[in-house]
Amino acid sequence: LLALGLVAVTLTERETPVLAVVAAVLTTTWALITFIVLF
């Protein structure tokens, strides 16, 4: 869901990239957590 949200926000955000940056940070952090849990 975070990855899909990142794609959606990146494609639709035009005024400022703030939401895209927040979504990227959340997705990157959660991907690291997910990798550790899955590993």
PDB file of all heavy atoms in Angstrom:
ATOM      1  N   LEU A   1       0.824  -1.213   0.000  1.00  0.00           N
ATOM      2  CA  LEU A   1       0.000   0.000   0.000  1.00  0.00           C
ATOM      3  C   LEU A   1       0.856   1.261   0.000  1.00  0.00           C
ATOM      4  O   LEU A   1       0.533   2.245  -0.681  1.00  0.00           O
ATOM      5  CB  LEU A   1      -0.949  -0.012   1.196  1.00  0.00           C
ATOM      6  CG  LEU A   1      -2.062  -1.062   1.141  1.00  0.00           C
ATOM      7  CD1 LEU A   1      -2.867  -1.049   2.442  1.00  0.00           C
ATOM      8  CD2 LEU A   1      -2.965  -0.826  -0.051  1.00  0.00           C
ATOM      9  N   LEU A   2       1.947   1.254   0.770  1.00  0.00           N
ATOM     10  CA  LEU A   2       2.840   2.411   0.778  1.00  0.00           C
ATOM     11  C   LEU A   2       3.486   2.623  -0.590  1.00  0.00           C
ATOM     12  O   LEU A   2       3.610   3.761  -1.055  1.00  0.00           O
ATOM     13  CB  LEU A   2       3.921   2.244   1.847  1.00  0.00           C
ATOM     14  CG  LEU A   2       3.497   2.500   3.282  1.00  0.00           C
ATOM     15  CD1 LEU A   2       4.605   2.114   4.244  1.00  0.00           C
ATOM     16  CD2 LEU A   2       3.099   3.951   3.473  1.00  0.00           C
ATOM     17  N   ALA A   3       3.885   1.543  -1.235  1.00  0.00           N
ATOM     18  CA  ALA A   3       4.507   1.662  -2.555  1.00  0.00           C
ATOM     19  C   ALA A   3       3.509   2.197  -3.577  1.00  0.00           C
ATOM     20  O   ALA A   3       3.852   3.073  -4.389  1.00  0.00           O
ATOM     21  CB  ALA A   3       5.063   0.309  -2.993  1.00  0.00           C
ATOM     22  N   LEU A   4       2.288   1.707  -3.551  1.00  0.00           N
ATOM     23  CA  LEU A   4       1.268   2.220  -4.465  1.00  0.00           C
ATOM     24  C   LEU A   4       0.937   3.677  -4.159  1.00  0.00           C
ATOM     25  O   LEU A   4       0.715   4.482  -5.071  1.00  0.00           O
ATOM     26  CB  LEU A   4       0.008   1.353  -4.387  1.00  0.00           C
ATOM     27  CG  LEU A   4       0.140  -0.059  -4.950  1.00  0.00           C
ATOM     28  CD1 LEU A   4      -1.134  -0.858  -4.681  1.00  0.00           C
ATOM     29  CD2 LEU A   4       0.459  -0.031  -6.432  1.00  0.00           C
ATOM     30  N   GLY A   5       0.905   4.020  -2.883  1.00  0.00           N
ATOM     31  CA  GLY A   5       0.677   5.414  -2.497  1.00  0.00           C
ATOM     32  C   GLY A   5       1.804   6.322  -2.981  1.00  0.00           C
ATOM     33  O   GLY A   5       1.560   7.450  -3.421  1.00  0.00           O
ATOM     34  N   LEU A   6       3.041   5.839  -2.905  1.00  0.00           N
ATOM     35  CA  LEU A   6       4.178   6.618  -3.394  1.00  0.00           C
ATOM     36  C   LEU A   6       4.050   6.888  -4.891  1.00  0.00           C
ATOM     37  O   LEU A   6       4.271   8.013  -5.350  1.00  0.00           O
ATOM     38  CB  LEU A   6       5.489   5.894  -3.100  1.00  0.00           C
ATOM     39  CG  LEU A   6       6.755   6.497  -3.702  1.00  0.00           C
ATOM     40  CD1 LEU A   6       6.988   7.904  -3.172  1.00  0.00           C
ATOM     41  CD2 LEU A   6       7.948   5.609  -3.408  1.00  0.00           C
ATOM     42  N   VAL A   7       3.661   5.880  -5.633  1.00  0.00           N
ATOM     43  CA  VAL A   7       3.476   6.059  -7.081  1.00  0.00           C
ATOM     44  C   VAL A   7       2.369   7.075  -7.346  1.00  0.00           C
ATOM     45  O   VAL A   7       2.532   7.995  -8.155  1.00  0.00           O
ATOM     46  CB  VAL A   7       3.159   4.706  -7.759  1.00  0.00           C
ATOM     47  CG1 VAL A   7       2.727   4.911  -9.201  1.00  0.00           C
ATOM     48  CG2 VAL A   7       4.359   3.776  -7.688  1.00  0.00           C
ATOM     49  N   ALA A   8       1.255   6.941  -6.645  1.00  0.00           N
ATOM     50  CA  ALA A   8       0.125   7.848  -6.863  1.00  0.00           C
ATOM     51  C   ALA A   8       0.487   9.291  -6.502  1.00  0.00           C
ATOM     52  O   ALA A   8       0.185  10.224  -7.254  1.00  0.00           O
ATOM     53  CB  ALA A   8      -1.077   7.382  -6.050  1.00  0.00           C
ATOM     54  N   VAL A   9       1.143   9.484  -5.370  1.00  0.00           N
ATOM     55  CA  VAL A   9       1.494  10.837  -4.940  1.00  0.00           C
ATOM     56  C   VAL A   9       2.539  11.438  -5.867  1.00  0.00           C
ATOM     57  O   VAL A   9       2.475  12.623  -6.204  1.00  0.00           O
ATOM     58  CB  VAL A   9       2.000  10.811  -3.467  1.00  0.00           C
ATOM     59  CG1 VAL A   9       2.652  12.111  -3.080  1.00  0.00           C
ATOM     60  CG2 VAL A   9       0.856  10.516  -2.532  1.00  0.00           C
ATOM     61  N   THR A  10       3.492  10.642  -6.304  1.00  0.00           N
ATOM     62  CA  THR A  10       4.525  11.154  -7.206  1.00  0.00           C
ATOM     63  C   THR A  10       3.920  11.590  -8.538  1.00  0.00           C
ATOM     64  O   THR A  10       4.334  12.596  -9.116  1.00  0.00           O
ATOM     65  CB  THR A  10       5.601  10.081  -7.447  1.00  0.00           C
ATOM     66  OG1 THR A  10       6.169   9.706  -6.188  1.00  0.00           O
ATOM     67  CG2 THR A  10       6.701  10.595  -8.346  1.00  0.00           C
ATOM     68  N   LEU A  11       2.939  10.853  -9.018  1.00  0.00           N
ATOM     69  CA  LEU A  11       2.318  11.199 -10.302  1.00  0.00           C
ATOM     70  C   LEU A  11       1.372  12.387 -10.209  1.00  0.00           C
ATOM     71  O   LEU A  11       1.181  13.101 -11.194  1.00  0.00           O
ATOM     72  CB  LEU A  11       1.578   9.990 -10.865  1.00  0.00           C
ATOM     73  CG  LEU A  11       2.452   8.837 -11.341  1.00  0.00           C
ATOM     74  CD1 LEU A  11       1.585   7.667 -11.766  1.00  0.00           C
ATOM     75  CD2 LEU A  11       3.363   9.270 -12.472  1.00  0.00           C
ATOM     76  N   THR A  12       0.762  12.606  -9.067  1.00  0.00           N
ATOM     77  CA  THR A  12      -0.258  13.651  -8.961  1.00  0.00           C
ATOM     78  C   THR A  12       0.225  14.925  -8.280  1.00  0.00           C
ATOM     79  O   THR A  12      -0.414  15.957  -8.435  1.00  0.00           O
ATOM     80  CB  THR A  12      -1.491  13.130  -8.198  1.00  0.00           C
ATOM     81  OG1 THR A  12      -1.084  12.723  -6.890  1.00  0.00           O
ATOM     82  CG2 THR A  12      -2.124  11.966  -8.930  1.00  0.00           C
ATOM     83  N   GLU A  13       1.298  14.896  -7.559  1.00  0.00           N
ATOM     84  CA  GLU A  13       1.777  16.068  -6.825  1.00  0.00           C
ATOM     85  C   GLU A  13       2.435  17.041  -7.789  1.00  0.00           C
ATOM     86  O   GLU A  13       3.432  16.714  -8.429  1.00  0.00           O
ATOM     87  CB  GLU A  13       2.773  15.633  -5.760  1.00  0.00           C
ATOM     88  CG  GLU A  13       3.159  16.718  -4.800  1.00  0.00           C
ATOM     89  CD  GLU A  13       2.068  17.059  -3.823  1.00  0.00           C
ATOM     90  OE1 GLU A  13       1.204  16.219  -3.580  1.00  0.00           O
ATOM     91  OE2 GLU A  13       2.087  18.168  -3.313  1.00  0.00           O
ATOM     92  N   ARG A  14       1.905  18.239  -7.906  1.00  0.00           N
ATOM     93  CA  ARG A  14       2.443  19.211  -8.848  1.00  0.00           C
ATOM     94  C   ARG A  14       2.928  20.502  -8.187  1.00  0.00           C
ATOM     95  O   ARG A  14       3.840  21.132  -8.664  1.00  0.00           O
ATOM     96  CB  ARG A  14       1.386  19.568  -9.905  1.00  0.00           C
ATOM     97  CG  ARG A  14       1.038  18.404 -10.775  1.00  0.00           C
ATOM     98  CD  ARG A  14       2.194  18.056 -11.669  1.00  0.00           C
ATOM     99  NE  ARG A  14       1.929  16.799 -12.337  1.00  0.00           N
ATOM    100  CZ  ARG A  14       2.789  15.812 -12.431  1.00  0.00           C
ATOM    101  NH1 ARG A  14       3.965  15.912 -11.893  1.00  0.00           N
ATOM    102  NH2 ARG A  14       2.482  14.710 -13.058  1.00  0.00           N
ATOM    103  N   GLU A  15       2.298  20.931  -7.130  1.00  0.00           N
ATOM    104  CA  GLU A  15       2.664  22.200  -6.503  1.00  0.00           C
ATOM    105  C   GLU A  15       3.979  22.104  -5.745  1.00  0.00           C
ATOM    106  O   GLU A  15       4.849  22.932  -5.879  1.00  0.00           O
ATOM    107  CB  GLU A  15       1.554  22.655  -5.546  1.00  0.00           C
ATOM    108  CG  GLU A  15       0.304  23.104  -6.248  1.00  0.00           C
ATOM    109  CD  GLU A  15       0.540  24.338  -7.091  1.00  0.00           C
ATOM    110  OE1 GLU A  15       1.248  25.253  -6.635  1.00  0.00           O
ATOM    111  OE2 GLU A  15       0.034  24.368  -8.218  1.00  0.00           O
ATOM    112  N   THR A  16       4.100  21.093  -4.927  1.00  0.00           N
ATOM    113  CA  THR A  16       5.291  20.918  -4.100  1.00  0.00           C
ATOM    114  C   THR A  16       5.546  19.427  -3.928  1.00  0.00           C
ATOM    115  O   THR A  16       4.606  18.649  -3.841  1.00  0.00           O
ATOM    116  CB  THR A  16       5.115  21.607  -2.737  1.00  0.00           C
ATOM    117  OG1 THR A  16       6.238  21.303  -1.928  1.00  0.00           O
ATOM    118  CG2 THR A  16       3.858  21.158  -2.032  1.00  0.00           C
ATOM    119  N   PRO A  17       6.794  19.013  -3.873  1.00  0.00           N
ATOM    120  CA  PRO A  17       7.084  17.578  -3.738  1.00  0.00           C
ATOM    121  C   PRO A  17       7.081  17.080  -2.296  1.00  0.00           C
ATOM    122  O   PRO A  17       7.591  16.002  -2.026  1.00  0.00           O
ATOM    123  CB  PRO A  17       8.481  17.457  -4.355  1.00  0.00           C
ATOM    124  CG  PRO A  17       9.114  18.779  -4.092  1.00  0.00           C
ATOM    125  CD  PRO A  17       8.000  19.785  -4.178  1.00  0.00           C
ATOM    126  N   VAL A  18       6.497  17.817  -1.383  1.00  0.00           N
ATOM    127  CA  VAL A  18       6.561  17.442   0.037  1.00  0.00           C
ATOM    128  C   VAL A  18       5.901  16.086   0.285  1.00  0.00           C
ATOM    129  O   VAL A  18       6.488  15.226   0.950  1.00  0.00           O
ATOM    130  CB  VAL A  18       5.908  18.535   0.913  1.00  0.00           C
ATOM    131  CG1 VAL A  18       5.801  18.086   2.351  1.00  0.00           C
ATOM    132  CG2 VAL A  18       6.704  19.813   0.824  1.00  0.00           C
ATOM    133  N   LEU A  19       4.706  15.881  -0.221  1.00  0.00           N
ATOM    134  CA  LEU A  19       4.020  14.609   0.019  1.00  0.00           C
ATOM    135  C   LEU A  19       4.762  13.441  -0.629  1.00  0.00           C
ATOM    136  O   LEU A  19       4.819  12.352  -0.059  1.00  0.00           O
ATOM    137  CB  LEU A  19       2.581  14.662  -0.499  1.00  0.00           C
ATOM    138  CG  LEU A  19       1.631  15.549   0.295  1.00  0.00           C
ATOM    139  CD1 LEU A  19       0.252  15.558  -0.355  1.00  0.00           C
ATOM    140  CD2 LEU A  19       1.534  15.093   1.728  1.00  0.00           C
ATOM    141  N   ALA A  20       5.353  13.674  -1.782  1.00  0.00           N
ATOM    142  CA  ALA A  20       6.114  12.613  -2.437  1.00  0.00           C
ATOM    143  C   ALA A  20       7.355  12.248  -1.627  1.00  0.00           C
ATOM    144  O   ALA A  20       7.710  11.071  -1.512  1.00  0.00           O
ATOM    145  CB  ALA A  20       6.500  13.042  -3.847  1.00  0.00           C
ATOM    146  N   VAL A  21       7.995  13.238  -1.038  1.00  0.00           N
ATOM    147  CA  VAL A  21       9.178  12.971  -0.209  1.00  0.00           C
ATOM    148  C   VAL A  21       8.779  12.217   1.053  1.00  0.00           C
ATOM    149  O   VAL A  21       9.443  11.247   1.452  1.00  0.00           O
ATOM    150  CB  VAL A  21       9.917  14.286   0.127  1.00  0.00           C
ATOM    151  CG1 VAL A  21      10.988  14.056   1.175  1.00  0.00           C
ATOM    152  CG2 VAL A  21      10.524  14.894  -1.127  1.00  0.00           C
ATOM    153  N   VAL A  22       7.695  12.627   1.679  1.00  0.00           N
ATOM    154  CA  VAL A  22       7.217  11.927   2.883  1.00  0.00           C
ATOM    155  C   VAL A  22       6.855  10.486   2.543  1.00  0.00           C
ATOM    156  O   VAL A  22       7.216   9.548   3.273  1.00  0.00           O
ATOM    157  CB  VAL A  22       6.012  12.669   3.505  1.00  0.00           C
ATOM    158  CG1 VAL A  22       5.349  11.845   4.584  1.00  0.00           C
ATOM    159  CG2 VAL A  22       6.456  14.012   4.069  1.00  0.00           C
ATOM    160  N   ALA A  23       6.168  10.289   1.435  1.00  0.00           N
ATOM    161  CA  ALA A  23       5.796   8.929   1.022  1.00  0.00           C
ATOM    162  C   ALA A  23       7.034   8.094   0.716  1.00  0.00           C
ATOM    163  O   ALA A  23       7.086   6.908   1.054  1.00  0.00           O
ATOM    164  CB  ALA A  23       4.872   8.986  -0.199  1.00  0.00           C
ATOM    165  N   ALA A  24       8.049   8.695   0.114  1.00  0.00           N
ATOM    166  CA  ALA A  24       9.279   7.960  -0.197  1.00  0.00           C
ATOM    167  C   ALA A  24      10.026   7.574   1.074  1.00  0.00           C
ATOM    168  O   ALA A  24      10.548   6.459   1.182  1.00  0.00           O
ATOM    169  CB  ALA A  24      10.169   8.799  -1.107  1.00  0.00           C
ATOM    170  N   VAL A  25      10.085   8.479   2.034  1.00  0.00           N
ATOM    171  CA  VAL A  25      10.758   8.169   3.300  1.00  0.00           C
ATOM    172  C   VAL A  25      10.018   7.054   4.038  1.00  0.00           C
ATOM    173  O   VAL A  25      10.642   6.111   4.545  1.00  0.00           O
ATOM    174  CB  VAL A  25      10.876   9.439   4.176  1.00  0.00           C
ATOM    175  CG1 VAL A  25      11.324   9.097   5.588  1.00  0.00           C
ATOM    176  CG2 VAL A  25      11.838  10.424   3.543  1.00  0.00           C
ATOM    177  N   LEU A  26       8.697   7.148   4.097  1.00  0.00           N
ATOM    178  CA  LEU A  26       7.913   6.102   4.770  1.00  0.00           C
ATOM    179  C   LEU A  26       8.068   4.752   4.072  1.00  0.00           C
ATOM    180  O   LEU A  26       8.239   3.720   4.728  1.00  0.00           O
ATOM    181  CB  LEU A  26       6.433   6.498   4.822  1.00  0.00           C
ATOM    182  CG  LEU A  26       6.062   7.596   5.801  1.00  0.00           C
ATOM    183  CD1 LEU A  26       4.590   7.964   5.633  1.00  0.00           C
ATOM    184  CD2 LEU A  26       6.339   7.171   7.220  1.00  0.00           C
ATOM    185  N   THR A  27       8.028   4.761   2.749  1.00  0.00           N
ATOM    186  CA  THR A  27       8.146   3.512   2.002  1.00  0.00           C
ATOM    187  C   THR A  27       9.533   2.903   2.164  1.00  0.00           C
ATOM    188  O   THR A  27       9.667   1.687   2.357  1.00  0.00           O
ATOM    189  CB  THR A  27       7.833   3.736   0.510  1.00  0.00           C
ATOM    190  OG1 THR A  27       6.544   4.344   0.406  1.00  0.00           O
ATOM    191  CG2 THR A  27       7.831   2.439  -0.260  1.00  0.00           C
ATOM    192  N   THR A  28      10.571   3.725   2.113  1.00  0.00           N
ATOM    193  CA  THR A  28      11.933   3.221   2.290  1.00  0.00           C
ATOM    194  C   THR A  28      12.116   2.621   3.675  1.00  0.00           C
ATOM    195  O   THR A  28      12.669   1.524   3.831  1.00  0.00           O
ATOM    196  CB  THR A  28      12.953   4.356   2.070  1.00  0.00           C
ATOM    197  OG1 THR A  28      12.749   4.925   0.783  1.00  0.00           O
ATOM    198  CG2 THR A  28      14.373   3.841   2.182  1.00  0.00           C
ATOM    199  N   THR A  29      11.650   3.326   4.682  1.00  0.00           N
ATOM    200  CA  THR A  29      11.787   2.843   6.059  1.00  0.00           C
ATOM    201  C   THR A  29      10.997   1.555   6.270  1.00  0.00           C
ATOM    202  O   THR A  29      11.497   0.591   6.865  1.00  0.00           O
ATOM    203  CB  THR A  29      11.301   3.924   7.054  1.00  0.00           C
ATOM    204  OG1 THR A  29      12.016   5.123   6.789  1.00  0.00           O
ATOM    205  CG2 THR A  29      11.524   3.494   8.483  1.00  0.00           C
ATOM    206  N   TRP A  30       9.774   1.538   5.774  1.00  0.00           N
ATOM    207  CA  TRP A  30       8.945   0.337   5.955  1.00  0.00           C
ATOM    208  C   TRP A  30       9.491  -0.846   5.159  1.00  0.00           C
ATOM    209  O   TRP A  30       9.361  -1.991   5.571  1.00  0.00           O
ATOM    210  CB  TRP A  30       7.492   0.621   5.597  1.00  0.00           C
ATOM    211  CG  TRP A  30       6.585  -0.452   6.107  1.00  0.00           C
ATOM    212  CD1 TRP A  30       6.001  -1.448   5.394  1.00  0.00           C
ATOM    213  CD2 TRP A  30       6.203  -0.672   7.460  1.00  0.00           C
ATOM    214  NE1 TRP A  30       5.269  -2.254   6.215  1.00  0.00           N
ATOM    215  CE2 TRP A  30       5.366  -1.802   7.492  1.00  0.00           C
ATOM    216  CE3 TRP A  30       6.471  -0.003   8.650  1.00  0.00           C
ATOM    217  CZ2 TRP A  30       4.819  -2.287   8.656  1.00  0.00           C
ATOM    218  CZ3 TRP A  30       5.916  -0.480   9.811  1.00  0.00           C
ATOM    219  CH2 TRP A  30       5.105  -1.626   9.810  1.00  0.00           C
ATOM    220  N   ALA A  31      10.112  -0.571   4.010  1.00  0.00           N
ATOM    221  CA  ALA A  31      10.722  -1.662   3.238  1.00  0.00           C
ATOM    222  C   ALA A  31      11.882  -2.286   4.012  1.00  0.00           C
ATOM    223  O   ALA A  31      12.064  -3.509   3.986  1.00  0.00           O
ATOM    224  CB  ALA A  31      11.200  -1.151   1.883  1.00  0.00           C
ATOM    225  N   LEU A  32      12.653  -1.470   4.711  1.00  0.00           N
ATOM    226  CA  LEU A  32      13.740  -2.005   5.534  1.00  0.00           C
ATOM    227  C   LEU A  32      13.191  -2.862   6.666  1.00  0.00           C
ATOM    228  O   LEU A  32      13.682  -3.969   6.921  1.00  0.00           O
ATOM    229  CB  LEU A  32      14.597  -0.869   6.084  1.00  0.00           C
ATOM    230  CG  LEU A  32      15.736  -1.267   7.007  1.00  0.00           C
ATOM    231  CD1 LEU A  32      16.740  -2.127   6.264  1.00  0.00           C
ATOM    232  CD2 LEU A  32      16.391  -0.047   7.599  1.00  0.00           C
ATOM    233  N   ILE A  33      12.150  -2.373   7.323  1.00  0.00           N
ATOM    234  CA  ILE A  33      11.514  -3.142   8.397  1.00  0.00           C
ATOM    235  C   ILE A  33      10.947  -4.446   7.849  1.00  0.00           C
ATOM    236  O   ILE A  33      11.112  -5.517   8.444  1.00  0.00           O
ATOM    237  CB  ILE A  33      10.419  -2.296   9.084  1.00  0.00           C
ATOM    238  CG1 ILE A  33      11.060  -1.135   9.844  1.00  0.00           C
ATOM    239  CG2 ILE A  33       9.563  -3.141  10.022  1.00  0.00           C
ATOM    240  CD1 ILE A  33      10.079  -0.088  10.305  1.00  0.00           C
ATOM    241  N   THR A  34      10.291  -4.378   6.699  1.00  0.00           N
ATOM    242  CA  THR A  34       9.703  -5.568   6.079  1.00  0.00           C
ATOM    243  C   THR A  34      10.780  -6.580   5.710  1.00  0.00           C
ATOM    244  O   THR A  34      10.602  -7.780   5.923  1.00  0.00           O
ATOM    245  CB  THR A  34       8.899  -5.175   4.826  1.00  0.00           C
ATOM    246  OG1 THR A  34       7.909  -4.229   5.198  1.00  0.00           O
ATOM    247  CG2 THR A  34       8.230  -6.379   4.200  1.00  0.00           C
ATOM    248  N   PHE A  35      11.898  -6.101   5.172  1.00  0.00           N
ATOM    249  CA  PHE A  35      12.982  -7.010   4.821  1.00  0.00           C
ATOM    250  C   PHE A  35      13.500  -7.741   6.055  1.00  0.00           C
ATOM    251  O   PHE A  35      13.704  -8.955   6.019  1.00  0.00           O
ATOM    252  CB  PHE A  35      14.129  -6.253   4.139  1.00  0.00           C
ATOM    253  CG  PHE A  35      15.290  -7.145   3.812  1.00  0.00           C
ATOM    254  CD1 PHE A  35      15.255  -7.952   2.690  1.00  0.00           C
ATOM    255  CD2 PHE A  35      16.395  -7.198   4.644  1.00  0.00           C
ATOM    256  CE1 PHE A  35      16.312  -8.797   2.398  1.00  0.00           C
ATOM    257  CE2 PHE A  35      17.458  -8.033   4.360  1.00  0.00           C
ATOM    258  CZ  PHE A  35      17.419  -8.837   3.230  1.00  0.00           C
ATOM    259  N   ILE A  36      13.692  -7.013   7.135  1.00  0.00           N
ATOM    260  CA  ILE A  36      14.187  -7.651   8.364  1.00  0.00           C
ATOM    261  C   ILE A  36      13.198  -8.681   8.876  1.00  0.00           C
ATOM    262  O   ILE A  36      13.580  -9.809   9.220  1.00  0.00           O
ATOM    263  CB  ILE A  36      14.496  -6.577   9.430  1.00  0.00           C
ATOM    264  CG1 ILE A  36      15.690  -5.731   8.979  1.00  0.00           C
ATOM    265  CG2 ILE A  36      14.772  -7.214  10.790  1.00  0.00           C
ATOM    266  CD1 ILE A  36      15.921  -4.495   9.819  1.00  0.00           C
ATOM    267  N   VAL A  37      11.913  -8.321   8.924  1.00  0.00           N
ATOM    268  CA  VAL A  37      10.886  -9.248   9.419  1.00  0.00           C
ATOM    269  C   VAL A  37      10.812 -10.485   8.535  1.00  0.00           C
ATOM    270  O   VAL A  37      10.782 -11.629   9.018  1.00  0.00           O
ATOM    271  CB  VAL A  37       9.507  -8.539   9.493  1.00  0.00           C
ATOM    272  CG1 VAL A  37       8.378  -9.534   9.688  1.00  0.00           C
ATOM    273  CG2 VAL A  37       9.505  -7.506  10.595  1.00  0.00           C
ATOM    274  N   LEU A  38      10.808 -10.285   7.221  1.00  0.00           N
ATOM    275  CA  LEU A  38      10.703 -11.411   6.295  1.00  0.00           C
ATOM    276  C   LEU A  38      11.962 -12.278   6.326  1.00  0.00           C
ATOM    277  O   LEU A  38      11.870 -13.513   6.294  1.00  0.00           O
ATOM    278  CB  LEU A  38      10.442 -10.890   4.883  1.00  0.00           C
ATOM    279  CG  LEU A  38       9.985 -11.901   3.841  1.00  0.00           C
ATOM    280  CD1 LEU A  38       8.701 -12.596   4.286  1.00  0.00           C
ATOM    281  CD2 LEU A  38       9.773 -11.206   2.508  1.00  0.00           C
ATOM    282  N   PHE A  39      13.132 -11.658   6.418  1.00  0.00           N
ATOM    283  CA  PHE A  39      14.376 -12.410   6.492  1.00  0.00           C
ATOM    284  C   PHE A  39      14.431 -13.264   7.747  1.00  0.00           C
ATOM    285  O   PHE A  39      14.782 -14.450   7.696  1.00  0.00           O
ATOM    286  CB  PHE A  39      15.572 -11.447   6.445  1.00  0.00           C
ATOM    287  CG  PHE A  39      16.898 -12.143   6.432  1.00  0.00           C
ATOM    288  CD1 PHE A  39      17.412 -12.640   5.257  1.00  0.00           C
ATOM    289  CD2 PHE A  39      17.628 -12.293   7.605  1.00  0.00           C
ATOM    290  CE1 PHE A  39      18.637 -13.288   5.234  1.00  0.00           C
ATOM    291  CE2 PHE A  39      18.848 -12.940   7.600  1.00  0.00           C
ATOM    292  CZ  PHE A  39      19.364 -13.439   6.411  1.00  0.00           C
TER     293      PHE A  39
END
